[in-house]
Each structure stands twice: as C-alpha cells, then as structure tokens.
Amino acid sequence: MLSFKRILLVTSNGRKLSQKGLGNFAAQRKIKDNENTKPKMPKLVIFDKDGTLICFHSMWVPWALEVSNRVCMRMNMDLSSAILQELGICPVRPGLLAEGTMDQINQVLTGLVVRSSGIESNQARSIVDQCTAGGDTATKNSIKTIGDIREMFEKLQQHNTKLAICTMDKRDNTVHTLEKLQLGKYIDYVFCCDDKGFVPKPHPDNAWKICKDLRIDPTDAIMVGDTKADINMALSAGLGSAVGVLSGVGCSDYLANANMLLDKATDLVDIFYGSAQQSC
C-alpha cells in the first residue's frame, strides 16, 4: 500500500518547499517526519486530462468564447458575460467548465437561456446542444500539452506502470486530442463522461472501475489532477495518493486536500521514480 504522511510542493526547478515555505497550506497538513522518504512507485497512474496533461486555457477558453458567440447569435441577445460567468471563464477559475460534464454544462446554459429569453426548455436545450457541439471547431488547432507528456508516459511505461485517463470531456474530443498529440498508444484505459457507467467526479465509481478493469488494487494507484473533483474522487475511492497539480485551474489553497502538490504532472517522474531511473 502506498503511504504518504507529508505534503510535497515541488516548484518548476524541482525544489521542495519546507513546511515554513508552504505557509498556511502546510500549516493545515501533517508533515512527514522523514524529509527524504521517497514515495513507493504506483502500479497505476490515473490522469485527469485538461489542466493536467493538456493546457486548459489553450483548449477551453477558445471553446467557451466560441460557444458564447454562437448562443448570442442564435438568441439575438448579449448573454456573453452571463455565459462566461457560469462557465468559470474570464477570469479562468474552478467551476463548471473545469469540473462539470458536457451534459451538466448544457443543463446550466439551457437554464440561463430560458431565464433570459422565456422560450421553452426543450427549444433552449436544442439551441445550447448545437452551440456547444459547434464550439469544438475552435479547439482543433489550439491543443497543447503541459510539458513533455510523451516523455513522461514513456518513462512510466519503462517501469511497467499502467496509465489511465479519467476525464469529464466527451470521448470523441478525448480520442481526437490523444491522436493529434500521438499519445494514444501509451494509454491503457480511457474513461470519458459519455461512456457507459461513467459517474461525474468526485464519485469514486470511476476510479474503482478503472482499477478493477486493469486488475490493480486501488491502494496501488494514484490520481493526478488539477481540481477538487479529481482529488476528492481519489480520496473517496481509497487510492494510494491524490496528487494535485498547479498547472490548471486550482491553486494550493483550493487543492488543500491533496496528499501531494506538484507544479505539473511531469514532475511526478522524479518524485516517484527518481532513484529507480538512475539504476536503469
């Protein structure tokens, strides 16, 4: 079983901050007695996608702006500020777009359109569905990774670590992203919001299903994500560790429940596999 009694916050230069350096965040957590203990290598790493592997801003800000424009044009009303506020954009922050499924997003936007225009809910939902589907065109050429994800995946596979993605995005978008970035061949399991049996995070069912299908004990798996939904799913599922990353929408205070905080997902290679890499 993986065991983590202290919190690490790893900066971009690899420096581990002390309890004092972590300020209020560290004061809320128990710090491990042995500063140099290396976490045990997991047998499975479950990654969130957007904000963790893929840049949230480059993918979803253009999408949100495109959807907002489409809804405004269809309704002949200026709803842009209200739409972006509901989505958690301008400024980007934790919220519906970062933590919700597409169905949840469409439900909220449908309610907004109904309240603003007075049209029937069914008509509003049809308009919103068309607009959010059309927004995908804005992200086709704006996708980029956070760090060298391919290199990280290759290193994890060298240690026989299984890799999974659990995302609130749709399967067609996820597959397109993985194919575009040539990352699909490294992934053992992909679980998306429109897949059968998917339950929105932070419900533990998704983590349990991934572990069961890959025949990995949950305590030998870790979850890496940038939102509370990711962290709380890992904790409620009893995974070996909930690893928060600061590369997406969450700050250290927002991710205070995480067992470990990293600047970005690629930093976990040194944290979990550093000494093992040197011996390879």
Protein backbone atom coordinates (compact mmCIF):
# COMPACT_ATOMS: atom_id res chain seq x y z
CA MET A 1 0.00 0.00 0.00
CA LEU A 2 1.28 3.48 -0.83
CA SER A 3 1.70 5.71 2.18
CA PHE A 4 2.06 9.49 2.21
CA LYS A 5 2.33 11.28 5.55
CA ARG A 6 3.82 14.55 4.30
CA ILE A 7 2.95 17.04 1.63
CA LEU A 8 5.44 17.97 -1.07
CA LEU A 9 5.12 21.12 -3.11
CA VAL A 10 7.57 20.87 -5.98
CA THR A 11 8.39 24.02 -7.87
CA SER A 12 9.35 24.20 -11.53
CA ASN A 13 13.05 23.98 -10.63
CA GLY A 14 12.44 20.83 -8.59
CA ARG A 15 12.96 22.48 -5.18
CA LYS A 16 10.89 21.00 -2.37
CA LEU A 17 9.43 23.70 -0.17
CA SER A 18 9.62 23.32 3.58
CA GLN A 19 6.64 23.49 5.89
CA LYS A 20 7.51 27.12 6.57
CA GLY A 21 7.75 27.82 2.86
CA LEU A 22 4.30 26.38 2.30
CA GLY A 23 2.76 28.90 4.70
CA ASN A 24 -0.91 28.48 5.54
CA PHE A 25 -1.27 25.45 3.25
CA ALA A 26 1.36 23.41 5.06
CA ALA A 27 0.09 24.53 8.44
CA GLN A 28 -3.15 22.68 7.68
CA ARG A 29 -1.38 19.42 6.86
CA LYS A 30 0.74 16.89 8.74
CA ILE A 31 4.34 16.93 7.57
CA LYS A 32 6.22 13.65 7.40
CA ASP A 33 8.89 13.09 9.99
CA ASN A 34 11.42 11.84 7.44
CA GLU A 35 12.17 14.56 4.86
CA ASN A 36 13.98 12.22 2.46
CA THR A 37 11.44 9.39 2.17
CA LYS A 38 10.71 8.51 -1.45
CA PRO A 39 7.09 7.55 -2.24
CA LYS A 40 6.62 3.99 -3.45
CA MET A 41 6.14 3.60 -7.20
CA PRO A 42 2.46 3.15 -8.12
CA LYS A 43 1.28 0.35 -10.38
CA LEU A 44 -1.33 2.61 -11.99
CA VAL A 45 -1.49 6.35 -12.56
CA ILE A 46 -4.92 7.81 -13.39
CA PHE A 47 -4.64 11.21 -15.01
CA ASP A 48 -7.21 13.91 -15.45
CA LYS A 49 -6.90 15.35 -18.97
CA ASP A 50 -7.50 19.09 -19.18
CA GLY A 51 -5.40 21.22 -16.85
CA THR A 52 -3.29 18.17 -16.02
CA LEU A 53 -1.98 16.78 -19.32
CA ILE A 54 -3.48 19.31 -21.72
CA CYS A 55 -3.39 23.09 -21.28
CA PHE A 56 -6.86 24.07 -20.04
CA HIS A 57 -6.55 27.67 -21.21
CA SER A 58 -5.50 26.92 -24.78
CA MET A 59 -8.24 24.33 -25.24
CA TRP A 60 -11.26 25.58 -23.33
CA VAL A 61 -11.04 29.39 -23.39
CA PRO A 62 -11.41 29.44 -27.22
CA TRP A 63 -14.22 26.89 -26.88
CA ALA A 64 -16.07 28.97 -24.28
CA LEU A 65 -15.77 32.15 -26.36
CA GLU A 66 -17.00 30.35 -29.47
CA VAL A 67 -19.97 28.83 -27.63
CA SER A 68 -20.84 32.20 -26.13
CA ASN A 69 -20.77 33.85 -29.56
CA ARG A 70 -22.92 31.11 -31.07
CA VAL A 71 -25.56 31.30 -28.32
CA CYS A 72 -25.69 35.11 -28.57
CA MET A 73 -26.13 34.96 -32.33
CA ARG A 74 -28.85 32.30 -32.14
CA MET A 75 -30.76 34.18 -29.44
CA ASN A 76 -30.01 37.66 -30.82
CA MET A 77 -29.17 38.66 -27.26
CA ASP A 78 -25.95 39.65 -25.50
CA LEU A 79 -25.57 36.83 -22.99
CA SER A 80 -21.80 36.62 -23.24
CA SER A 81 -20.95 37.90 -19.74
CA ALA A 82 -23.52 35.64 -18.11
CA ILE A 83 -22.38 32.60 -20.10
CA LEU A 84 -18.70 33.10 -19.33
CA GLN A 85 -19.52 33.70 -15.67
CA GLU A 86 -21.46 30.43 -15.50
CA LEU A 87 -18.64 28.54 -17.19
CA GLY A 88 -15.90 29.95 -14.94
CA ILE A 89 -14.12 31.88 -17.70
CA CYS A 90 -12.87 35.50 -17.68
CA PRO A 91 -11.16 35.07 -15.36
CA VAL A 92 -10.47 31.35 -15.55
CA ARG A 93 -11.26 29.72 -12.22
CA PRO A 94 -12.50 26.42 -10.78
CA GLY A 95 -16.09 25.95 -11.84
CA LEU A 96 -18.50 24.39 -14.29
CA LEU A 97 -16.21 24.17 -17.31
CA ALA A 98 -13.28 22.80 -15.35
CA GLU A 99 -15.24 20.34 -13.22
CA GLY A 100 -18.52 19.57 -15.00
CA THR A 101 -19.50 17.14 -17.72
CA MET A 102 -20.79 18.42 -21.06
CA ASP A 103 -24.31 17.40 -20.07
CA GLN A 104 -24.03 19.42 -16.85
CA ILE A 105 -22.71 22.39 -18.81
CA ASN A 106 -25.57 22.17 -21.30
CA GLN A 107 -28.12 21.93 -18.49
CA VAL A 108 -26.82 25.11 -16.83
CA LEU A 109 -26.65 27.05 -20.11
CA THR A 110 -30.15 25.88 -21.00
CA GLY A 111 -31.43 27.31 -17.74
CA LEU A 112 -29.67 30.58 -18.47
CA VAL A 113 -31.25 30.83 -21.93
CA VAL A 114 -34.71 30.02 -20.56
CA ARG A 115 -34.45 32.65 -17.83
CA SER A 116 -33.13 35.28 -20.21
CA SER A 117 -35.49 34.70 -23.13
CA GLY A 118 -38.57 32.95 -21.80
CA ILE A 119 -38.50 30.26 -24.50
CA GLU A 120 -39.44 26.65 -23.75
CA SER A 121 -36.81 24.46 -22.10
CA ASN A 122 -36.76 21.90 -24.93
CA GLN A 123 -36.13 24.59 -27.51
CA ALA A 124 -33.43 26.18 -25.39
CA ARG A 125 -31.70 22.81 -24.85
CA SER A 126 -31.67 22.14 -28.59
CA ILE A 127 -30.03 25.51 -29.25
CA VAL A 128 -27.46 25.02 -26.49
CA ASP A 129 -26.60 21.49 -27.66
CA GLN A 130 -25.96 22.75 -31.18
CA CYS A 131 -23.85 25.66 -29.94
CA THR A 132 -21.67 23.63 -27.60
CA ALA A 133 -21.12 20.99 -30.30
CA GLY A 134 -20.14 23.74 -32.73
CA GLY A 135 -17.69 25.16 -30.22
CA ASP A 136 -15.42 22.17 -30.77
CA THR A 137 -14.25 23.75 -34.03
CA ALA A 138 -12.46 26.46 -32.03
CA THR A 139 -10.15 23.98 -30.28
CA LYS A 140 -8.95 21.77 -33.13
CA ASN A 141 -5.71 23.69 -33.60
CA SER A 142 -5.18 25.11 -30.11
CA ILE A 143 -4.42 21.91 -28.18
CA LYS A 144 -1.06 21.73 -26.45
CA THR A 145 0.44 19.63 -23.69
CA ILE A 146 1.74 20.80 -20.33
CA GLY A 147 5.38 19.79 -20.52
CA ASP A 148 6.72 16.73 -22.33
CA ILE A 149 3.86 14.31 -21.70
CA ARG A 150 5.13 11.76 -24.20
CA GLU A 151 8.47 11.50 -22.43
CA MET A 152 6.72 11.11 -19.09
CA PHE A 153 4.48 8.33 -20.44
CA GLU A 154 7.49 6.52 -21.88
CA LYS A 155 9.33 6.66 -18.56
CA LEU A 156 6.31 5.42 -16.65
CA GLN A 157 5.89 2.52 -19.05
CA GLN A 158 9.55 1.59 -18.61
CA HIS A 159 8.62 0.80 -15.01
CA ASN A 160 5.55 -1.22 -16.04
CA THR A 161 3.19 1.40 -14.68
CA LYS A 162 -0.25 1.31 -16.25
CA LEU A 163 -1.69 4.62 -17.47
CA ALA A 164 -5.31 5.72 -17.49
CA ILE A 165 -7.23 8.90 -18.25
CA CYS A 166 -10.45 9.81 -16.46
CA THR A 167 -11.95 12.95 -17.94
CA MET A 168 -15.18 14.93 -17.80
CA ASP A 169 -14.75 15.55 -21.54
CA LYS A 170 -16.52 13.55 -24.26
CA ARG A 171 -14.92 10.52 -25.85
CA ASP A 172 -14.71 11.91 -29.37
CA ASN A 173 -12.89 15.02 -28.12
CA THR A 174 -10.59 12.93 -25.97
CA VAL A 175 -9.72 10.49 -28.75
CA HIS A 176 -9.10 13.39 -31.15
CA THR A 177 -6.75 15.01 -28.65
CA LEU A 178 -4.79 11.82 -27.97
CA GLU A 179 -4.49 11.06 -31.69
CA LYS A 180 -3.45 14.61 -32.57
CA LEU A 181 -0.71 14.56 -29.93
CA GLN A 182 0.24 10.93 -30.69
CA LEU A 183 -0.33 9.87 -27.09
CA GLY A 184 -2.99 7.19 -27.51
CA LYS A 185 -0.56 4.28 -27.77
CA TYR A 186 0.65 4.87 -24.22
CA ILE A 187 -2.76 4.77 -22.54
CA ASP A 188 -4.14 1.52 -21.12
CA TYR A 189 -7.58 2.87 -20.25
CA VAL A 190 -9.68 5.93 -21.15
CA PHE A 191 -12.90 6.73 -19.29
CA CYS A 192 -14.96 9.69 -20.54
CA CYS A 193 -18.11 11.47 -19.39
CA ASP A 194 -20.28 9.98 -22.14
CA ASP A 195 -19.08 6.40 -21.60
CA LYS A 196 -21.49 3.87 -20.16
CA GLY A 197 -21.18 3.70 -16.40
CA PHE A 198 -19.36 7.00 -16.00
CA VAL A 199 -20.37 8.92 -12.87
CA PRO A 200 -19.29 12.58 -12.59
CA LYS A 201 -16.32 13.20 -10.33
CA PRO A 202 -15.81 13.22 -7.38
CA HIS A 203 -17.83 10.00 -7.12
CA PRO A 204 -15.39 7.10 -6.57
CA ASP A 205 -17.03 4.69 -9.05
CA ASN A 206 -14.86 5.80 -11.97
CA ALA A 207 -11.62 5.14 -10.09
CA TRP A 208 -12.90 1.80 -8.84
CA LYS A 209 -13.94 0.70 -12.33
CA ILE A 210 -10.58 1.64 -13.83
CA CYS A 211 -8.72 -0.24 -11.10
CA LYS A 212 -11.00 -3.27 -11.40
CA ASP A 213 -10.73 -3.49 -15.19
CA LEU A 214 -6.94 -3.12 -15.07
CA ARG A 215 -6.70 -5.55 -12.11
CA ILE A 216 -4.92 -3.06 -9.88
CA ASP A 217 -5.67 -2.70 -6.18
CA PRO A 218 -6.88 0.90 -5.56
CA THR A 219 -4.20 1.37 -2.90
CA ASP A 220 -1.56 0.76 -5.60
CA ALA A 221 -2.98 3.50 -7.82
CA ILE A 222 -2.65 7.27 -7.70
CA MET A 223 -4.79 10.04 -9.20
CA VAL A 224 -3.25 13.17 -10.72
CA GLY A 225 -5.49 16.17 -11.35
CA ASP A 226 -5.94 19.93 -11.09
CA THR A 227 -9.40 20.15 -9.47
CA LYS A 228 -11.08 19.30 -6.18
CA ALA A 229 -13.21 16.82 -8.09
CA ASP A 230 -10.07 14.86 -9.05
CA ILE A 231 -8.62 14.96 -5.55
CA ASN A 232 -11.87 14.06 -3.81
CA MET A 233 -12.51 11.18 -6.21
CA ALA A 234 -9.12 9.74 -5.32
CA LEU A 235 -9.68 10.17 -1.61
CA SER A 236 -13.19 8.72 -1.62
CA ALA A 237 -12.02 5.75 -3.71
CA GLY A 238 -9.20 5.00 -1.28
CA LEU A 239 -6.45 5.36 -3.87
CA GLY A 240 -2.85 5.28 -2.75
CA SER A 241 -2.47 9.02 -3.24
CA ALA A 242 -4.30 12.08 -4.52
CA VAL A 243 -1.77 14.22 -6.37
CA GLY A 244 -2.75 17.79 -7.16
CA VAL A 245 -1.11 19.81 -9.92
CA LEU A 246 -0.96 23.60 -10.16
CA SER A 247 -0.91 23.64 -13.97
CA GLY A 248 -4.67 24.03 -14.38
CA VAL A 249 -7.38 25.97 -12.57
CA GLY A 250 -6.50 25.13 -8.97
CA CYS A 251 -4.21 26.93 -6.52
CA SER A 252 -2.62 25.37 -3.42
CA ASP A 253 -5.44 26.51 -1.12
CA TYR A 254 -8.08 25.12 -3.48
CA LEU A 255 -6.24 21.78 -3.62
CA ALA A 256 -5.52 21.66 0.11
CA ASN A 257 -6.95 18.12 0.45
CA ALA A 258 -4.33 16.65 -1.89
CA ASN A 259 -1.73 14.29 -0.44
CA MET A 260 0.88 15.91 -2.64
CA LEU A 261 1.12 19.06 -4.79
CA LEU A 262 3.24 19.38 -7.91
CA ASP A 263 3.83 22.23 -10.32
CA LYS A 264 2.87 19.96 -13.22
CA ALA A 265 2.19 16.29 -13.88
CA THR A 266 5.61 15.57 -15.41
CA ASP A 267 7.23 16.33 -12.04
CA LEU A 268 5.87 13.05 -10.67
CA VAL A 269 8.54 11.12 -12.57
CA ASP A 270 11.29 12.46 -10.31
CA ILE A 271 9.16 12.19 -7.18
CA PHE A 272 8.11 8.56 -7.66
CA TYR A 273 10.78 7.15 -9.98
CA GLY A 274 13.88 9.31 -9.42
CA SER A 275 16.16 6.75 -7.81
CA ALA A 276 14.78 3.94 -9.98
CA GLN A 277 15.63 5.87 -13.15
CA GLN A 278 19.24 6.24 -12.09
CA SER A 279 19.56 2.47 -11.68
CA CYS A 280 18.08 1.62 -15.08
